[in-house]
Amino acid sequence: MTAAASRRTVSTARTGASRAVMNIGEVLGELKDDFPQASASKIRFLEE
């Protein structure tokens, strides 16, 4: 399964806007070629 196939759409409580959601492992998979130094802890630090 590709990351795109496993993305989910959620609606935010505040605005009701929909957005795609990826877990950290999916994000790392997408970034690893361009950013090999990326790690789960670095991505968690950047989360809202």
Protein backbone atom coordinates (compact mmCIF):
# COMPACT_ATOMS: atom_id res chain seq x y z
CA MET A 1 0.00 0.00 0.00
CA THR A 2 1.39 3.41 -0.90
CA ALA A 3 1.22 6.40 1.39
CA ALA A 4 -1.30 8.05 -0.90
CA ALA A 5 -3.58 5.02 -0.71
CA SER A 6 -3.55 5.02 3.09
CA ARG A 7 -4.28 8.72 3.63
CA ARG A 8 -7.44 9.52 5.51
CA THR A 9 -9.55 12.64 5.37
CA VAL A 10 -10.65 14.24 8.61
CA SER A 11 -12.72 17.28 9.46
CA THR A 12 -11.35 19.72 12.02
CA ALA A 13 -13.59 20.63 14.93
CA ARG A 14 -12.88 24.36 14.84
CA THR A 15 -13.37 25.11 11.15
CA GLY A 16 -15.06 22.02 9.77
CA ALA A 17 -12.48 22.01 6.96
CA SER A 18 -11.35 18.65 5.61
CA ARG A 19 -7.70 17.71 5.25
CA ALA A 20 -5.67 14.60 4.46
CA VAL A 21 -3.98 12.91 7.39
CA MET A 22 -0.82 10.81 7.28
CA ASN A 23 0.87 9.06 10.17
CA ILE A 24 4.51 9.80 10.96
CA GLY A 25 5.76 6.63 9.29
CA GLU A 26 4.02 7.60 6.05
CA VAL A 27 5.54 11.08 6.20
CA LEU A 28 9.02 9.61 6.76
CA GLY A 29 8.53 7.33 3.76
CA GLU A 30 7.67 10.31 1.59
CA LEU A 31 10.61 12.41 2.82
CA LYS A 32 13.43 9.86 3.14
CA ASP A 33 14.84 10.30 -0.39
CA ASP A 34 15.06 14.09 -0.16
CA PHE A 35 15.73 14.35 3.58
CA PRO A 36 17.60 11.26 4.80
CA GLN A 37 18.30 12.93 8.16
CA ALA A 38 14.56 13.22 8.93
CA SER A 39 13.38 11.20 11.93
CA ALA A 40 10.09 10.56 13.70
CA SER A 41 11.16 12.72 16.65
CA LYS A 42 11.97 15.65 14.35
CA ILE A 43 8.58 15.37 12.67
CA ARG A 44 6.79 15.16 16.03
CA PHE A 45 8.57 18.37 17.07
CA LEU A 46 7.07 20.12 14.02
CA GLU A 47 3.51 18.88 14.57
CA GLU A 48 0.86 21.43 15.44
